[in-house]
All heavy atoms as atom14 arrays in JSON, in Angstrom:
{
  "sequence": "YKDKETSCGIAFQFASGRVSIKEIGGCGAYRGVRCFFEGSYSKK",
  "atom14_mask": [
    [1, 1, 1, 1, 1, 1, 1, 1, 1, 1, 1, 1, 0, 0],
    [1, 1, 1, 1, 1, 1, 1, 1, 1, 0, 0, 0, 0, 0],
    [1, 1, 1, 1, 1, 1, 1, 1, 0, 0, 0, 0, 0, 0],
    [1, 1, 1, 1, 1, 1, 1, 1, 1, 0, 0, 0, 0, 0],
    [1, 1, 1, 1, 1, 1, 1, 1, 1, 0, 0, 0, 0, 0],
    [1, 1, 1, 1, 1, 1, 1, 0, 0, 0, 0, 0, 0, 0],
    [1, 1, 1, 1, 1, 1, 0, 0, 0, 0, 0, 0, 0, 0],
    [1, 1, 1, 1, 1, 1, 0, 0, 0, 0, 0, 0, 0, 0],
    [1, 1, 1, 1, 0, 0, 0, 0, 0, 0, 0, 0, 0, 0],
    [1, 1, 1, 1, 1, 1, 1, 1, 0, 0, 0, 0, 0, 0],
    [1, 1, 1, 1, 1, 0, 0, 0, 0, 0, 0, 0, 0, 0],
    [1, 1, 1, 1, 1, 1, 1, 1, 1, 1, 1, 0, 0, 0],
    [1, 1, 1, 1, 1, 1, 1, 1, 1, 0, 0, 0, 0, 0],
    [1, 1, 1, 1, 1, 1, 1, 1, 1, 1, 1, 0, 0, 0],
    [1, 1, 1, 1, 1, 0, 0, 0, 0, 0, 0, 0, 0, 0],
    [1, 1, 1, 1, 1, 1, 0, 0, 0, 0, 0, 0, 0, 0],
    [1, 1, 1, 1, 0, 0, 0, 0, 0, 0, 0, 0, 0, 0],
    [1, 1, 1, 1, 1, 1, 1, 1, 1, 1, 1, 0, 0, 0],
    [1, 1, 1, 1, 1, 1, 1, 0, 0, 0, 0, 0, 0, 0],
    [1, 1, 1, 1, 1, 1, 0, 0, 0, 0, 0, 0, 0, 0],
    [1, 1, 1, 1, 1, 1, 1, 1, 0, 0, 0, 0, 0, 0],
    [1, 1, 1, 1, 1, 1, 1, 1, 1, 0, 0, 0, 0, 0],
    [1, 1, 1, 1, 1, 1, 1, 1, 1, 0, 0, 0, 0, 0],
    [1, 1, 1, 1, 1, 1, 1, 1, 0, 0, 0, 0, 0, 0],
    [1, 1, 1, 1, 0, 0, 0, 0, 0, 0, 0, 0, 0, 0],
    [1, 1, 1, 1, 0, 0, 0, 0, 0, 0, 0, 0, 0, 0],
    [1, 1, 1, 1, 1, 1, 0, 0, 0, 0, 0, 0, 0, 0],
    [1, 1, 1, 1, 0, 0, 0, 0, 0, 0, 0, 0, 0, 0],
    [1, 1, 1, 1, 1, 0, 0, 0, 0, 0, 0, 0, 0, 0],
    [1, 1, 1, 1, 1, 1, 1, 1, 1, 1, 1, 1, 0, 0],
    [1, 1, 1, 1, 1, 1, 1, 1, 1, 1, 1, 0, 0, 0],
    [1, 1, 1, 1, 0, 0, 0, 0, 0, 0, 0, 0, 0, 0],
    [1, 1, 1, 1, 1, 1, 1, 0, 0, 0, 0, 0, 0, 0],
    [1, 1, 1, 1, 1, 1, 1, 1, 1, 1, 1, 0, 0, 0],
    [1, 1, 1, 1, 1, 1, 0, 0, 0, 0, 0, 0, 0, 0],
    [1, 1, 1, 1, 1, 1, 1, 1, 1, 1, 1, 0, 0, 0],
    [1, 1, 1, 1, 1, 1, 1, 1, 1, 1, 1, 0, 0, 0],
    [1, 1, 1, 1, 1, 1, 1, 1, 1, 0, 0, 0, 0, 0],
    [1, 1, 1, 1, 0, 0, 0, 0, 0, 0, 0, 0, 0, 0],
    [1, 1, 1, 1, 1, 1, 0, 0, 0, 0, 0, 0, 0, 0],
    [1, 1, 1, 1, 1, 1, 1, 1, 1, 1, 1, 1, 0, 0],
    [1, 1, 1, 1, 1, 1, 0, 0, 0, 0, 0, 0, 0, 0],
    [1, 1, 1, 1, 1, 1, 1, 1, 1, 0, 0, 0, 0, 0],
    [1, 1, 1, 1, 1, 1, 1, 1, 1, 0, 0, 0, 0, 0]
  ],
  "atom14_positions": [
    [[55.54, 57.65, 147.55], [54.28, 58.38, 147.48], [53.96, 58.88, 148.87], [54.12, 58.16, 149.86], [53.14, 57.47, 147.0], [51.77, 58.04, 147.28], [51.24, 59.04, 146.48], [51.02, 57.6, 148.36], [49.99, 59.58, 146.74], [49.77, 58.12, 148.62], [49.26, 59.11, 147.82], [48.03, 59.65, 148.08], [0.0, 0.0, 0.0], [0.0, 0.0, 0.0]],
    [[53.54, 60.14, 148.98], [53.08, 60.69, 150.25], [51.75, 61.39, 150.01], [51.64, 62.24, 149.13], [54.1, 61.67, 150.82], [55.36, 60.98, 151.28], [56.2, 61.87, 152.14], [57.4, 61.08, 152.61], [58.23, 61.81, 153.51], [0.0, 0.0, 0.0], [0.0, 0.0, 0.0], [0.0, 0.0, 0.0], [0.0, 0.0, 0.0], [0.0, 0.0, 0.0]],
    [[50.75, 60.99, 150.79], [49.43, 61.58, 150.69], [49.47, 63.01, 151.22], [50.11, 63.28, 152.24], [48.44, 60.73, 151.5], [47.01, 61.15, 151.3], [46.62, 61.4, 150.14], [46.27, 61.23, 152.29], [0.0, 0.0, 0.0], [0.0, 0.0, 0.0], [0.0, 0.0, 0.0], [0.0, 0.0, 0.0], [0.0, 0.0, 0.0], [0.0, 0.0, 0.0]],
    [[48.79, 63.92, 150.55], [48.8, 65.33, 150.95], [47.9, 65.6, 152.15], [48.1, 66.57, 152.87], [48.36, 66.2, 149.78], [49.34, 66.18, 148.63], [48.84, 66.97, 147.45], [49.82, 66.85, 146.3], [49.31, 67.45, 145.07], [0.0, 0.0, 0.0], [0.0, 0.0, 0.0], [0.0, 0.0, 0.0], [0.0, 0.0, 0.0], [0.0, 0.0, 0.0]],
    [[46.93, 64.73, 152.39], [45.94, 65.0, 153.44], [46.12, 64.16, 154.7], [45.53, 64.48, 155.73], [44.54, 64.8, 152.87], [44.24, 65.76, 151.74], [42.88, 65.53, 151.12], [42.04, 64.85, 151.74], [42.66, 66.02, 150.0], [0.0, 0.0, 0.0], [0.0, 0.0, 0.0], [0.0, 0.0, 0.0], [0.0, 0.0, 0.0], [0.0, 0.0, 0.0]],
    [[46.89, 63.07, 154.63], [47.09, 62.2, 155.79], [48.58, 61.86, 155.91], [49.39, 62.33, 155.12], [46.29, 60.88, 155.66], [46.84, 60.12, 154.59], [44.81, 61.14, 155.38], [0.0, 0.0, 0.0], [0.0, 0.0, 0.0], [0.0, 0.0, 0.0], [0.0, 0.0, 0.0], [0.0, 0.0, 0.0], [0.0, 0.0, 0.0], [0.0, 0.0, 0.0]],
    [[48.91, 61.02, 156.88], [50.31, 60.61, 157.05], [50.65, 59.38, 156.22], [51.72, 58.81, 156.35], [50.59, 60.32, 158.53], [49.79, 59.24, 158.97], [0.0, 0.0, 0.0], [0.0, 0.0, 0.0], [0.0, 0.0, 0.0], [0.0, 0.0, 0.0], [0.0, 0.0, 0.0], [0.0, 0.0, 0.0], [0.0, 0.0, 0.0], [0.0, 0.0, 0.0]],
    [[49.75, 58.97, 155.34], [49.95, 57.78, 154.52], [51.07, 57.97, 153.51], [51.17, 59.01, 152.86], [48.65, 57.46, 153.78], [48.75, 56.01, 152.69], [0.0, 0.0, 0.0], [0.0, 0.0, 0.0], [0.0, 0.0, 0.0], [0.0, 0.0, 0.0], [0.0, 0.0, 0.0], [0.0, 0.0, 0.0], [0.0, 0.0, 0.0], [0.0, 0.0, 0.0]],
    [[51.91, 56.95, 153.41], [52.98, 56.95, 152.42], [53.26, 55.53, 151.97], [53.01, 54.57, 152.69], [0.0, 0.0, 0.0], [0.0, 0.0, 0.0], [0.0, 0.0, 0.0], [0.0, 0.0, 0.0], [0.0, 0.0, 0.0], [0.0, 0.0, 0.0], [0.0, 0.0, 0.0], [0.0, 0.0, 0.0], [0.0, 0.0, 0.0], [0.0, 0.0, 0.0]],
    [[53.78, 55.4, 150.76], [54.15, 54.1, 150.2], [55.56, 54.21, 149.64], [55.86, 55.16, 148.91], [53.19, 53.67, 149.07], [51.73, 53.62, 149.54], [53.62, 52.34, 148.47], [51.37, 52.48, 150.44], [0.0, 0.0, 0.0], [0.0, 0.0, 0.0], [0.0, 0.0, 0.0], [0.0, 0.0, 0.0], [0.0, 0.0, 0.0], [0.0, 0.0, 0.0]],
    [[56.41, 53.23, 149.97], [57.75, 53.14, 149.4], [57.74, 52.03, 148.36], [57.22, 50.94, 148.61], [58.77, 52.85, 150.48], [0.0, 0.0, 0.0], [0.0, 0.0, 0.0], [0.0, 0.0, 0.0], [0.0, 0.0, 0.0], [0.0, 0.0, 0.0], [0.0, 0.0, 0.0], [0.0, 0.0, 0.0], [0.0, 0.0, 0.0], [0.0, 0.0, 0.0]],
    [[58.29, 52.31, 147.19], [58.37, 51.36, 146.08], [59.83, 50.99, 145.84], [60.69, 51.87, 145.82], [57.82, 51.97, 144.79], [56.37, 52.36, 144.87], [55.99, 53.63, 145.26], [55.38, 51.45, 144.53], [54.66, 53.99, 145.31], [54.03, 51.81, 144.58], [53.68, 53.08, 144.98], [0.0, 0.0, 0.0], [0.0, 0.0, 0.0], [0.0, 0.0, 0.0]],
    [[60.1, 49.71, 145.66], [61.44, 49.21, 145.31], [61.28, 48.39, 144.03], [60.56, 47.39, 144.03], [62.01, 48.35, 146.43], [63.37, 47.74, 146.13], [64.48, 48.77, 146.17], [64.56, 49.57, 147.09], [65.34, 48.74, 145.18], [0.0, 0.0, 0.0], [0.0, 0.0, 0.0], [0.0, 0.0, 0.0], [0.0, 0.0, 0.0], [0.0, 0.0, 0.0]],
    [[61.94, 48.82, 142.96], [61.82, 48.16, 141.67], [63.04, 47.28, 141.4], [64.17, 47.68, 141.65], [61.7, 49.21, 140.55], [60.51, 50.11, 140.72], [60.64, 51.34, 141.33], [59.25, 49.72, 140.28], [59.54, 52.18, 141.5], [58.15, 50.55, 140.43], [58.31, 51.78, 141.05], [0.0, 0.0, 0.0], [0.0, 0.0, 0.0], [0.0, 0.0, 0.0]],
    [[62.8, 46.08, 140.89], [63.85, 45.14, 140.49], [63.33, 44.42, 139.26], [62.12, 44.34, 139.05], [64.16, 44.15, 141.61], [0.0, 0.0, 0.0], [0.0, 0.0, 0.0], [0.0, 0.0, 0.0], [0.0, 0.0, 0.0], [0.0, 0.0, 0.0], [0.0, 0.0, 0.0], [0.0, 0.0, 0.0], [0.0, 0.0, 0.0], [0.0, 0.0, 0.0]],
    [[64.19, 43.86, 138.46], [63.81, 43.27, 137.18], [62.49, 42.5, 137.22], [62.41, 41.4, 137.72], [64.92, 42.36, 136.66], [65.23, 41.38, 137.62], [0.0, 0.0, 0.0], [0.0, 0.0, 0.0], [0.0, 0.0, 0.0], [0.0, 0.0, 0.0], [0.0, 0.0, 0.0], [0.0, 0.0, 0.0], [0.0, 0.0, 0.0], [0.0, 0.0, 0.0]],
    [[61.46, 43.13, 136.68], [60.16, 42.5, 136.57], [59.37, 42.41, 137.86], [58.35, 41.75, 137.92], [0.0, 0.0, 0.0], [0.0, 0.0, 0.0], [0.0, 0.0, 0.0], [0.0, 0.0, 0.0], [0.0, 0.0, 0.0], [0.0, 0.0, 0.0], [0.0, 0.0, 0.0], [0.0, 0.0, 0.0], [0.0, 0.0, 0.0], [0.0, 0.0, 0.0]],
    [[59.82, 43.09, 138.92], [59.14, 43.04, 140.22], [59.07, 44.43, 140.84], [59.91, 45.27, 140.58], [59.88, 42.13, 141.21], [59.94, 40.68, 140.79], [60.5, 39.8, 141.87], [59.62, 39.62, 143.01], [58.52, 38.87, 143.03], [58.14, 38.25, 141.95], [57.8, 38.74, 144.11], [0.0, 0.0, 0.0], [0.0, 0.0, 0.0], [0.0, 0.0, 0.0]],
    [[58.08, 44.59, 141.69], [58.01, 45.78, 142.52], [57.63, 45.33, 143.93], [56.78, 44.47, 144.11], [56.99, 46.83, 141.98], [55.58, 46.29, 141.96], [57.07, 48.12, 142.78], [0.0, 0.0, 0.0], [0.0, 0.0, 0.0], [0.0, 0.0, 0.0], [0.0, 0.0, 0.0], [0.0, 0.0, 0.0], [0.0, 0.0, 0.0], [0.0, 0.0, 0.0]],
    [[58.31, 45.89, 144.91], [57.98, 45.64, 146.32], [57.45, 46.95, 146.88], [57.99, 48.02, 146.6], [59.22, 45.21, 147.1], [59.7, 43.99, 146.62], [0.0, 0.0, 0.0], [0.0, 0.0, 0.0], [0.0, 0.0, 0.0], [0.0, 0.0, 0.0], [0.0, 0.0, 0.0], [0.0, 0.0, 0.0], [0.0, 0.0, 0.0], [0.0, 0.0, 0.0]],
    [[56.37, 46.85, 147.65], [55.81, 48.04, 148.27], [55.76, 47.87, 149.77], [55.59, 46.77, 150.29], [54.41, 48.38, 147.71], [53.43, 47.25, 147.97], [54.47, 48.71, 146.24], [52.0, 47.6, 147.59], [0.0, 0.0, 0.0], [0.0, 0.0, 0.0], [0.0, 0.0, 0.0], [0.0, 0.0, 0.0], [0.0, 0.0, 0.0], [0.0, 0.0, 0.0]],
    [[55.96, 48.98, 150.48], [55.93, 48.98, 151.94], [55.21, 50.25, 152.38], [55.51, 51.34, 151.9], [57.34, 48.95, 152.51], [57.36, 48.93, 154.02], [58.75, 48.62, 154.52], [58.83, 48.69, 156.03], [58.06, 47.71, 156.72], [0.0, 0.0, 0.0], [0.0, 0.0, 0.0], [0.0, 0.0, 0.0], [0.0, 0.0, 0.0], [0.0, 0.0, 0.0]],
    [[54.27, 50.06, 153.26], [53.5, 51.19, 153.79], [54.37, 51.95, 154.79], [54.96, 51.36, 155.7], [52.24, 50.65, 154.47], [51.26, 51.7, 154.86], [49.97, 51.1, 155.4], [49.38, 50.21, 154.74], [49.57, 51.52, 156.49], [0.0, 0.0, 0.0], [0.0, 0.0, 0.0], [0.0, 0.0, 0.0], [0.0, 0.0, 0.0], [0.0, 0.0, 0.0]],
    [[54.44, 53.25, 154.63], [55.14, 54.1, 155.59], [54.14, 55.16, 156.05], [53.51, 55.83, 155.25], [56.41, 54.75, 154.99], [56.13, 55.38, 153.63], [57.52, 53.74, 154.86], [57.31, 56.1, 153.02], [0.0, 0.0, 0.0], [0.0, 0.0, 0.0], [0.0, 0.0, 0.0], [0.0, 0.0, 0.0], [0.0, 0.0, 0.0], [0.0, 0.0, 0.0]],
    [[53.95, 55.27, 157.32], [52.91, 56.16, 157.82], [51.61, 55.4, 157.93], [51.52, 54.22, 157.61], [0.0, 0.0, 0.0], [0.0, 0.0, 0.0], [0.0, 0.0, 0.0], [0.0, 0.0, 0.0], [0.0, 0.0, 0.0], [0.0, 0.0, 0.0], [0.0, 0.0, 0.0], [0.0, 0.0, 0.0], [0.0, 0.0, 0.0], [0.0, 0.0, 0.0]],
    [[50.6, 56.06, 158.38], [49.3, 55.42, 158.58], [48.39, 55.56, 157.38], [47.99, 56.66, 157.04], [0.0, 0.0, 0.0], [0.0, 0.0, 0.0], [0.0, 0.0, 0.0], [0.0, 0.0, 0.0], [0.0, 0.0, 0.0], [0.0, 0.0, 0.0], [0.0, 0.0, 0.0], [0.0, 0.0, 0.0], [0.0, 0.0, 0.0], [0.0, 0.0, 0.0]],
    [[48.06, 54.45, 156.76], [47.16, 54.47, 155.59], [45.81, 53.86, 155.93], [45.1, 53.38, 155.04], [47.81, 53.72, 154.42], [49.33, 54.48, 153.8], [0.0, 0.0, 0.0], [0.0, 0.0, 0.0], [0.0, 0.0, 0.0], [0.0, 0.0, 0.0], [0.0, 0.0, 0.0], [0.0, 0.0, 0.0], [0.0, 0.0, 0.0], [0.0, 0.0, 0.0]],
    [[45.44, 53.85, 157.2], [44.21, 53.22, 157.67], [42.94, 53.77, 157.04], [41.94, 53.08, 156.96], [0.0, 0.0, 0.0], [0.0, 0.0, 0.0], [0.0, 0.0, 0.0], [0.0, 0.0, 0.0], [0.0, 0.0, 0.0], [0.0, 0.0, 0.0], [0.0, 0.0, 0.0], [0.0, 0.0, 0.0], [0.0, 0.0, 0.0], [0.0, 0.0, 0.0]],
    [[42.97, 54.99, 156.56], [41.79, 55.58, 155.93], [41.49, 54.92, 154.58], [40.39, 55.06, 154.05], [41.98, 57.09, 155.74], [0.0, 0.0, 0.0], [0.0, 0.0, 0.0], [0.0, 0.0, 0.0], [0.0, 0.0, 0.0], [0.0, 0.0, 0.0], [0.0, 0.0, 0.0], [0.0, 0.0, 0.0], [0.0, 0.0, 0.0], [0.0, 0.0, 0.0]],
    [[42.46, 54.19, 154.04], [42.32, 53.6, 152.71], [42.22, 52.08, 152.73], [42.13, 51.45, 151.69], [43.51, 54.01, 151.82], [43.63, 55.5, 151.69], [44.59, 56.2, 152.41], [42.77, 56.21, 150.86], [44.71, 57.58, 152.29], [42.87, 57.58, 150.74], [43.84, 58.26, 151.46], [43.94, 59.62, 151.35], [0.0, 0.0, 0.0], [0.0, 0.0, 0.0]],
    [[42.27, 51.47, 153.92], [42.27, 50.01, 154.02], [41.68, 49.58, 155.35], [41.46, 50.4, 156.23], [43.7, 49.48, 153.9], [44.6, 50.08, 154.97], [45.83, 49.29, 155.2], [46.74, 49.96, 156.11], [46.57, 50.05, 157.42], [45.51, 49.56, 157.99], [47.47, 50.67, 158.16], [0.0, 0.0, 0.0], [0.0, 0.0, 0.0], [0.0, 0.0, 0.0]],
    [[41.45, 48.27, 155.5], [40.94, 47.72, 156.75], [41.99, 47.77, 157.84], [43.19, 47.95, 157.59], [0.0, 0.0, 0.0], [0.0, 0.0, 0.0], [0.0, 0.0, 0.0], [0.0, 0.0, 0.0], [0.0, 0.0, 0.0], [0.0, 0.0, 0.0], [0.0, 0.0, 0.0], [0.0, 0.0, 0.0], [0.0, 0.0, 0.0], [0.0, 0.0, 0.0]],
    [[41.57, 47.6, 159.08], [42.45, 47.71, 160.25], [43.58, 46.68, 160.25], [44.69, 46.99, 160.65], [41.58, 47.61, 161.52], [42.29, 47.02, 162.69], [41.01, 48.94, 161.88], [0.0, 0.0, 0.0], [0.0, 0.0, 0.0], [0.0, 0.0, 0.0], [0.0, 0.0, 0.0], [0.0, 0.0, 0.0], [0.0, 0.0, 0.0], [0.0, 0.0, 0.0]],
    [[43.31, 45.47, 159.81], [44.33, 44.41, 159.82], [44.98, 44.18, 158.46], [45.65, 43.19, 158.25], [43.73, 43.12, 160.35], [43.42, 43.2, 161.84], [42.83, 41.93, 162.32], [41.39, 42.0, 162.03], [40.57, 40.99, 162.12], [41.0, 39.81, 162.45], [39.29, 41.14, 161.86], [0.0, 0.0, 0.0], [0.0, 0.0, 0.0], [0.0, 0.0, 0.0]],
    [[44.8, 45.1, 157.55], [45.35, 44.98, 156.2], [46.43, 46.05, 156.01], [46.36, 47.11, 156.62], [44.28, 45.25, 155.16], [42.78, 44.3, 155.39], [0.0, 0.0, 0.0], [0.0, 0.0, 0.0], [0.0, 0.0, 0.0], [0.0, 0.0, 0.0], [0.0, 0.0, 0.0], [0.0, 0.0, 0.0], [0.0, 0.0, 0.0], [0.0, 0.0, 0.0]],
    [[47.39, 45.75, 155.17], [48.46, 46.71, 154.89], [48.78, 46.72, 153.41], [48.65, 45.71, 152.73], [49.72, 46.37, 155.69], [49.52, 46.48, 157.16], [49.16, 45.37, 157.9], [49.65, 47.69, 157.81], [48.96, 45.46, 159.27], [49.44, 47.8, 159.17], [49.1, 46.68, 159.9], [0.0, 0.0, 0.0], [0.0, 0.0, 0.0], [0.0, 0.0, 0.0]],
    [[49.24, 47.84, 152.9], [49.71, 47.96, 151.54], [51.17, 47.52, 151.52], [52.08, 48.34, 151.54], [49.59, 49.4, 151.03], [48.17, 49.87, 150.87], [47.64, 50.8, 151.74], [47.39, 49.38, 149.84], [46.34, 51.25, 151.57], [46.08, 49.82, 149.66], [45.56, 50.76, 150.54], [0.0, 0.0, 0.0], [0.0, 0.0, 0.0], [0.0, 0.0, 0.0]],
    [[51.4, 46.22, 151.53], [52.75, 45.68, 151.54], [52.81, 44.39, 150.77], [51.86, 43.63, 150.73], [53.23, 45.46, 152.98], [53.26, 46.74, 153.78], [54.06, 46.65, 155.06], [54.55, 45.57, 155.39], [54.18, 47.69, 155.7], [0.0, 0.0, 0.0], [0.0, 0.0, 0.0], [0.0, 0.0, 0.0], [0.0, 0.0, 0.0], [0.0, 0.0, 0.0]],
    [[53.95, 44.15, 150.13], [54.16, 42.9, 149.43], [55.1, 43.08, 148.26], [55.59, 44.17, 147.98], [0.0, 0.0, 0.0], [0.0, 0.0, 0.0], [0.0, 0.0, 0.0], [0.0, 0.0, 0.0], [0.0, 0.0, 0.0], [0.0, 0.0, 0.0], [0.0, 0.0, 0.0], [0.0, 0.0, 0.0], [0.0, 0.0, 0.0], [0.0, 0.0, 0.0]],
    [[55.35, 41.98, 147.59], [56.22, 41.97, 146.41], [55.42, 41.36, 145.26], [54.77, 40.32, 145.44], [57.47, 41.13, 146.7], [58.34, 41.17, 145.61], [0.0, 0.0, 0.0], [0.0, 0.0, 0.0], [0.0, 0.0, 0.0], [0.0, 0.0, 0.0], [0.0, 0.0, 0.0], [0.0, 0.0, 0.0], [0.0, 0.0, 0.0], [0.0, 0.0, 0.0]],
    [[55.45, 42.0, 144.11], [54.6, 41.6, 143.01], [55.4, 41.51, 141.71], [56.24, 42.36, 141.42], [53.46, 42.61, 142.83], [52.69, 42.78, 144.11], [53.02, 43.78, 145.02], [51.66, 41.91, 144.44], [52.33, 43.91, 146.22], [50.97, 42.04, 145.63], [51.32, 43.04, 146.51], [50.64, 43.15, 147.68], [0.0, 0.0, 0.0], [0.0, 0.0, 0.0]],
    [[55.1, 40.47, 140.91], [55.74, 40.26, 139.61], [54.96, 41.0, 138.53], [53.73, 41.1, 138.6], [55.78, 38.79, 139.25], [56.54, 38.08, 140.17], [0.0, 0.0, 0.0], [0.0, 0.0, 0.0], [0.0, 0.0, 0.0], [0.0, 0.0, 0.0], [0.0, 0.0, 0.0], [0.0, 0.0, 0.0], [0.0, 0.0, 0.0], [0.0, 0.0, 0.0]],
    [[55.67, 41.43, 137.5], [55.03, 42.07, 136.36], [54.27, 41.02, 135.57], [54.79, 39.94, 135.29], [56.1, 42.7, 135.47], [55.54, 43.41, 134.29], [56.66, 44.05, 133.48], [56.1, 44.76, 132.27], [57.18, 45.35, 131.45], [0.0, 0.0, 0.0], [0.0, 0.0, 0.0], [0.0, 0.0, 0.0], [0.0, 0.0, 0.0], [0.0, 0.0, 0.0]],
    [[53.02, 41.32, 135.22], [52.22, 40.42, 134.4], [52.53, 40.66, 132.94], [52.76, 41.78, 132.51], [50.73, 40.65, 134.64], [50.27, 40.19, 136.0], [48.78, 40.36, 136.1], [48.27, 39.84, 137.42], [46.81, 39.96, 137.52], [0.0, 0.0, 0.0], [0.0, 0.0, 0.0], [0.0, 0.0, 0.0], [0.0, 0.0, 0.0], [0.0, 0.0, 0.0]]
  ]
}
């Protein structure tokens, strides 16, 4: 995902029943200063 108005981007990696996300670029306009859109999550 790449935001059209800022340098914010998200990379998604899919694996059986999981998705990992990593922030690429600056997404500070959408989150707090010490927070990031990153992690690995299981399908509910």
